[in-house]
Amino acid sequence: MELSDLRIFRAVVDEGGITRAAEKLLRVQSSVTTRIKQLEEDLGTPLFLRQGKKLHLTPAGHTLLDYARRLQALADEARDAVQDPHPKGLFRLGAMESTAAVRLPVPLSEYYRRFPDVDLQLRTGNPVQLATAILAGEIDAALVAEPVAEGRFDHVSAFEEDLILVAKKDHPPIGKSKPLPSTIIAFEQGCPHRKRLETWYERRGDMPKHTIQLSSYHAMLGCVVVGMGVALIPGSVLDTFPDSHLLSRHQPPSGLDRAATLLIWRKGAVSPKINALIEVLGDQGQSHMRDGRSSSAT
């Protein structure tokens, strides 16, 4: 049973017969008759009682008519939703934990204000988990740190993060000629900031002896404060930590000290909801640039 069958069936009911239904549908009568007979055969029951040239619905026909109206209305709604450039419906967004906590509250508030017809759901994870979720159809887009697989995703730049190595307050300087700490504190494998920190060690011909894996930046910072190890933290996260005065800050080498956060989605699968988020993120970025220029001028 196809939607086209139901449209023909409804036309016969609404027009009161095959002849007028064929005229409305711009079909020959024999074609309409054949489609109705095929529909009856498919359902295994007659839909019309034929009395001369008049057709009357059977009980099964009345039942199908109700479903036909609802299914056709739903199909029309789906077509309108797909063709409507105005964002609406469920939008499943993924983000890294730090991005969700620090970067997203303001732009998502603006997104809700501009596009109230969107039902936005947020999921956190590391970039590997989020990219896998997009390809599996579990989420629509995600905010992840670079790099991304160019062949599988489209993307735009969303944020630029300064990365800072933090240690306990009285830790000696950490630099080119200084030994690197033996213990690092980081997210699980798949975190790009952990990869950058491990790359720093590799460039020095070294590797951390111990890695403490935690699931939140504030837990990491608490461990750093008591001297359990060092961590590579986005500056935006560090600014929200109330005990940051108990930490010392150290500059990573060039190339490992900055990271772009990208909005990614399956290649060729952009939607009005994703375009709306790109619009909001772009406006927020321009606002931050204006605020920065104003602060520099005062």
Protein backbone atom coordinates (compact mmCIF):
# COMPACT_ATOMS: atom_id res chain seq x y z
CA MET A 1 0.00 0.00 0.00
CA GLU A 2 1.46 3.31 -1.12
CA LEU A 3 0.50 6.91 -0.42
CA SER A 4 -0.48 7.29 -4.08
CA ASP A 5 -3.00 4.44 -3.59
CA LEU A 6 -4.51 6.26 -0.63
CA ARG A 7 -4.75 9.52 -2.57
CA ILE A 8 -6.66 7.74 -5.36
CA PHE A 9 -8.90 6.03 -2.80
CA ARG A 10 -9.68 9.37 -1.12
CA ALA A 11 -10.38 11.01 -4.45
CA VAL A 12 -12.94 8.32 -5.33
CA VAL A 13 -14.62 8.82 -1.93
CA ASP A 14 -14.53 12.63 -2.06
CA GLU A 15 -15.71 12.86 -5.69
CA GLY A 16 -18.35 10.16 -5.32
CA GLY A 17 -17.13 7.86 -8.07
CA ILE A 18 -14.44 6.72 -10.48
CA THR A 19 -15.28 9.12 -13.32
CA ARG A 20 -15.03 12.37 -11.35
CA ALA A 21 -12.02 11.09 -9.39
CA ALA A 22 -10.22 10.35 -12.67
CA GLU A 23 -10.99 13.88 -13.91
CA LYS A 24 -9.66 15.42 -10.69
CA LEU A 25 -6.51 13.28 -10.73
CA LEU A 26 -5.98 13.80 -14.50
CA ARG A 27 -6.00 10.03 -15.03
CA VAL A 28 -7.98 7.72 -17.29
CA GLN A 29 -10.86 5.90 -15.61
CA SER A 30 -9.38 2.45 -16.23
CA SER A 31 -6.21 3.45 -14.35
CA VAL A 32 -8.20 4.57 -11.29
CA THR A 33 -10.32 1.41 -11.39
CA THR A 34 -7.21 -0.79 -11.60
CA ARG A 35 -5.53 0.97 -8.65
CA ILE A 36 -8.64 0.57 -6.47
CA LYS A 37 -8.87 -3.13 -7.31
CA GLN A 38 -5.14 -3.58 -6.56
CA LEU A 39 -5.61 -1.82 -3.21
CA GLU A 40 -8.52 -4.10 -2.33
CA GLU A 41 -6.47 -7.16 -3.30
CA ASP A 42 -3.53 -5.93 -1.23
CA LEU A 43 -5.76 -5.41 1.83
CA GLY A 44 -7.71 -8.61 1.20
CA THR A 45 -11.12 -6.95 1.58
CA PRO A 46 -13.52 -4.89 -0.58
CA LEU A 47 -13.55 -1.16 0.10
CA PHE A 48 -16.66 -0.26 -1.91
CA LEU A 49 -20.11 -1.75 -2.45
CA ARG A 50 -20.99 -1.29 -6.10
CA GLN A 51 -24.67 -0.55 -6.81
CA GLY A 52 -25.01 0.27 -10.48
CA LYS A 53 -22.77 3.25 -11.16
CA LYS A 54 -22.70 4.28 -7.50
CA LEU A 55 -20.04 3.29 -4.97
CA HIS A 56 -20.65 3.03 -1.24
CA LEU A 57 -17.96 2.49 1.36
CA THR A 58 -17.87 -0.85 3.16
CA PRO A 59 -17.05 -0.93 6.90
CA ALA A 60 -13.45 -1.67 5.93
CA GLY A 61 -13.56 1.30 3.55
CA HIS A 62 -14.72 3.62 6.37
CA THR A 63 -11.86 2.38 8.54
CA LEU A 64 -9.30 2.90 5.80
CA LEU A 65 -10.64 6.38 5.02
CA ASP A 66 -9.85 7.55 8.54
CA TYR A 67 -6.28 6.21 8.29
CA ALA A 68 -5.88 7.58 4.77
CA ARG A 69 -6.75 11.09 5.92
CA ARG A 70 -4.31 10.90 8.83
CA LEU A 71 -1.49 9.37 6.77
CA GLN A 72 -1.88 11.90 3.99
CA ALA A 73 -1.93 14.76 6.49
CA LEU A 74 1.24 13.38 8.11
CA ALA A 75 2.91 13.02 4.71
CA ASP A 76 2.00 16.62 3.84
CA GLU A 77 3.37 17.76 7.20
CA ALA A 78 6.61 15.86 6.58
CA ARG A 79 6.97 17.43 3.12
CA ASP A 80 6.39 20.91 4.52
CA ALA A 81 8.91 20.29 7.31
CA VAL A 82 11.56 19.16 4.83
CA GLN A 83 10.95 22.04 2.43
CA ASP A 84 10.43 24.74 5.08
CA PRO A 85 13.65 26.75 5.54
CA HIS A 86 12.54 27.79 9.03
CA PRO A 87 14.20 25.59 11.69
CA LYS A 88 11.78 23.39 13.61
CA GLY A 89 11.60 20.01 15.30
CA LEU A 90 14.20 17.94 17.13
CA PHE A 91 17.85 19.06 16.92
CA ARG A 92 20.33 16.63 18.53
CA LEU A 93 23.58 18.48 19.26
CA GLY A 94 26.77 17.01 20.67
CA ALA A 95 29.58 18.91 22.41
CA MET A 96 32.73 18.36 24.38
CA GLU A 97 32.26 18.72 28.13
CA SER A 98 34.24 21.95 28.38
CA THR A 99 32.41 23.49 25.41
CA ALA A 100 29.02 22.59 26.84
CA ALA A 101 29.86 24.03 30.25
CA VAL A 102 31.66 27.22 29.26
CA ARG A 103 31.03 28.16 25.64
CA LEU A 104 27.45 27.12 24.92
CA PRO A 105 25.17 28.74 27.55
CA VAL A 106 25.08 32.14 25.82
CA PRO A 107 24.73 31.02 22.17
CA LEU A 108 22.19 28.30 23.04
CA SER A 109 20.10 30.83 24.95
CA GLU A 110 20.13 33.01 21.86
CA TYR A 111 19.30 30.01 19.67
CA TYR A 112 16.23 29.24 21.79
CA ARG A 113 15.17 32.89 21.61
CA ARG A 114 15.44 33.09 17.82
CA PHE A 115 14.11 29.63 16.97
CA PRO A 116 11.49 28.61 19.54
CA ASP A 117 10.13 25.85 17.27
CA VAL A 118 13.33 23.82 17.68
CA ASP A 119 13.50 21.14 20.38
CA LEU A 120 17.23 21.08 21.15
CA GLN A 121 18.82 18.10 22.94
CA LEU A 122 22.47 18.17 24.10
CA ARG A 123 24.85 15.23 24.45
CA THR A 124 28.45 15.41 25.67
CA GLY A 125 31.44 13.25 24.78
CA ASN A 126 34.92 13.36 23.32
CA PRO A 127 35.43 14.12 19.61
CA VAL A 128 35.77 10.45 18.61
CA GLN A 129 32.53 9.53 20.40
CA LEU A 130 30.65 12.48 18.92
CA ALA A 131 31.90 11.89 15.38
CA THR A 132 30.86 8.24 15.64
CA ALA A 133 27.43 9.30 16.90
CA ILE A 134 26.93 11.59 13.88
CA LEU A 135 27.82 8.82 11.43
CA ALA A 136 25.47 6.44 13.29
CA GLY A 137 22.60 8.93 12.97
CA GLU A 138 22.34 9.38 16.75
CA ILE A 139 23.02 13.14 16.67
CA ASP A 140 22.79 15.78 13.94
CA ALA A 141 25.90 17.88 14.61
CA ALA A 142 28.62 18.34 17.22
CA LEU A 143 31.16 20.82 18.53
CA VAL A 144 34.56 19.13 18.63
CA ALA A 145 38.21 20.09 18.69
CA GLU A 146 40.16 19.77 15.46
CA PRO A 147 41.23 17.79 13.51
CA VAL A 148 38.24 16.18 11.79
CA ALA A 149 37.96 13.67 8.95
CA GLU A 150 37.51 15.98 5.97
CA GLY A 151 36.12 13.24 3.76
CA ARG A 152 33.26 12.38 6.13
CA PHE A 153 32.25 15.72 7.66
CA ASP A 154 31.52 19.30 6.69
CA HIS A 155 32.47 21.89 9.28
CA VAL A 156 32.81 25.54 10.24
CA SER A 157 34.99 27.13 12.91
CA ALA A 158 33.08 27.92 16.09
CA PHE A 159 35.60 28.91 18.80
CA GLU A 160 39.33 29.34 19.24
CA GLU A 161 40.76 28.09 22.54
CA ASP A 162 44.00 29.08 24.30
CA LEU A 163 45.49 26.03 26.03
CA ILE A 164 47.40 26.40 29.29
CA LEU A 165 49.44 23.85 31.22
CA VAL A 166 48.56 24.13 34.91
CA ALA A 167 50.44 22.80 37.91
CA LYS A 168 50.25 23.36 41.68
CA LYS A 169 51.07 26.90 42.79
CA ASP A 170 54.69 26.34 43.88
CA HIS A 171 55.66 24.13 40.94
CA PRO A 172 58.96 25.09 39.31
CA PRO A 173 58.88 26.53 35.79
CA ILE A 174 58.03 24.13 32.97
CA GLY A 175 59.64 25.04 29.67
CA LYS A 176 62.09 24.11 26.95
CA SER A 177 65.02 23.36 29.23
CA LYS A 178 63.04 22.15 32.23
CA PRO A 179 62.03 18.53 32.89
CA LEU A 180 58.40 17.67 32.26
CA PRO A 181 56.32 16.40 35.20
CA SER A 182 56.01 12.62 35.52
CA THR A 183 52.20 12.57 35.93
CA ILE A 184 49.57 14.10 33.68
CA ILE A 185 45.84 14.44 34.40
CA ALA A 186 43.56 14.17 31.36
CA PHE A 187 40.39 12.84 29.83
CA GLU A 188 40.29 9.35 28.32
CA GLN A 189 41.85 8.49 24.98
CA GLY A 190 40.16 10.43 22.20
CA CYS A 191 40.53 13.81 23.90
CA PRO A 192 42.49 16.10 21.53
CA HIS A 193 43.96 18.11 24.42
CA ARG A 194 45.37 14.92 25.94
CA LYS A 195 46.86 14.12 22.53
CA ARG A 196 48.50 17.56 22.41
CA LEU A 197 49.98 17.08 25.87
CA GLU A 198 51.33 13.64 24.95
CA THR A 199 52.76 15.13 21.72
CA TRP A 200 54.67 17.66 23.83
CA TYR A 201 56.28 14.81 25.76
CA GLU A 202 57.04 12.90 22.54
CA ARG A 203 58.83 15.94 21.09
CA ARG A 204 61.02 15.98 24.18
CA GLY A 205 61.77 12.27 23.75
CA ASP A 206 59.82 11.48 26.90
CA MET A 207 56.48 10.06 28.02
CA PRO A 208 54.57 10.62 31.27
CA LYS A 209 55.11 7.79 33.75
CA HIS A 210 51.54 8.04 35.03
CA THR A 211 48.25 9.27 33.54
CA ILE A 212 45.27 9.98 35.76
CA GLN A 213 42.01 9.83 33.78
CA LEU A 214 39.09 11.94 34.97
CA SER A 215 35.78 12.94 33.42
CA SER A 216 35.54 16.65 34.29
CA TYR A 217 37.87 19.63 34.09
CA HIS A 218 37.05 20.87 37.57
CA ALA A 219 37.96 17.46 39.01
CA MET A 220 41.26 17.67 37.12
CA LEU A 221 41.94 21.15 38.46
CA GLY A 222 41.22 20.01 42.00
CA CYS A 223 43.80 17.24 41.62
CA VAL A 224 46.32 19.69 40.15
CA VAL A 225 45.87 22.03 43.12
CA VAL A 226 47.01 19.30 45.56
CA GLY A 227 50.00 18.37 43.38
CA MET A 228 48.86 15.09 41.85
CA GLY A 229 50.01 16.09 38.36
CA VAL A 230 49.67 18.65 35.57
CA ALA A 231 46.88 19.19 33.06
CA LEU A 232 46.41 20.98 29.75
CA ILE A 233 43.28 23.11 30.16
CA PRO A 234 41.39 25.54 27.88
CA GLY A 235 41.79 29.05 29.22
CA SER A 236 38.02 29.58 29.13
CA VAL A 237 37.61 26.70 31.61
CA LEU A 238 40.39 27.92 33.86
CA ASP A 239 38.69 31.31 34.13
CA THR A 240 35.66 29.63 35.72
CA PHE A 241 37.65 27.76 38.40
CA PRO A 242 37.21 29.50 41.78
CA ASP A 243 40.60 28.32 43.16
CA SER A 244 42.67 29.29 40.13
CA HIS A 245 44.89 31.38 42.45
CA LEU A 246 46.19 28.07 43.82
CA LEU A 247 47.59 27.10 40.41
CA SER A 248 50.67 28.05 38.40
CA ARG A 249 50.32 28.55 34.65
CA HIS A 250 52.85 27.41 32.07
CA GLN A 251 52.92 28.09 28.32
CA PRO A 252 52.90 25.08 25.97
CA PRO A 253 55.14 25.27 22.89
CA SER A 254 53.86 26.94 19.74
CA GLY A 255 51.47 24.73 17.80
CA LEU A 256 50.21 23.03 20.94
CA ASP A 257 48.97 26.14 22.70
CA ARG A 258 45.82 26.77 20.63
CA ALA A 259 42.96 24.62 19.39
CA ALA A 260 40.01 25.39 17.16
CA THR A 261 36.59 24.04 18.13
CA LEU A 262 34.61 23.12 15.03
CA LEU A 263 30.92 22.56 14.40
CA ILE A 264 30.76 19.38 12.34
CA TRP A 265 27.97 17.44 10.61
CA ARG A 266 27.77 14.56 8.13
CA LYS A 267 29.13 15.62 4.75
CA GLY A 268 26.36 16.95 2.50
CA ALA A 269 23.72 16.77 5.25
CA VAL A 270 23.38 20.39 6.35
CA SER A 271 19.89 21.37 7.57
CA PRO A 272 18.03 24.57 8.48
CA LYS A 273 18.67 23.79 12.17
CA ILE A 274 22.42 23.49 11.61
CA ASN A 275 22.46 26.66 9.48
CA ALA A 276 20.62 28.45 12.28
CA LEU A 277 23.31 27.42 14.79
CA ILE A 278 26.03 28.56 12.38
CA GLU A 279 24.25 31.92 12.19
CA VAL A 280 24.08 32.26 15.99
CA LEU A 281 27.70 31.19 16.52
CA GLY A 282 28.84 33.64 13.85
CA ASP A 283 26.93 36.50 15.46
CA GLN A 284 28.30 35.59 18.91
CA GLY A 285 31.84 35.52 17.54
CA GLN A 286 31.46 38.97 16.00
CA SER A 287 30.05 40.24 19.29
CA HIS A 288 33.07 38.93 21.19
CA MET A 289 35.39 40.61 18.69
CA ARG A 290 33.59 43.93 19.17
CA ASP A 291 33.76 43.52 22.94
CA GLY A 292 37.47 42.79 22.71
CA ARG A 293 38.12 45.90 20.61
CA SER A 294 36.12 48.00 23.05
CA SER A 295 38.11 46.65 25.99
CA SER A 296 41.41 47.35 24.20
CA ALA A 297 40.36 50.93 23.50
CA THR A 298 39.50 51.77 27.12
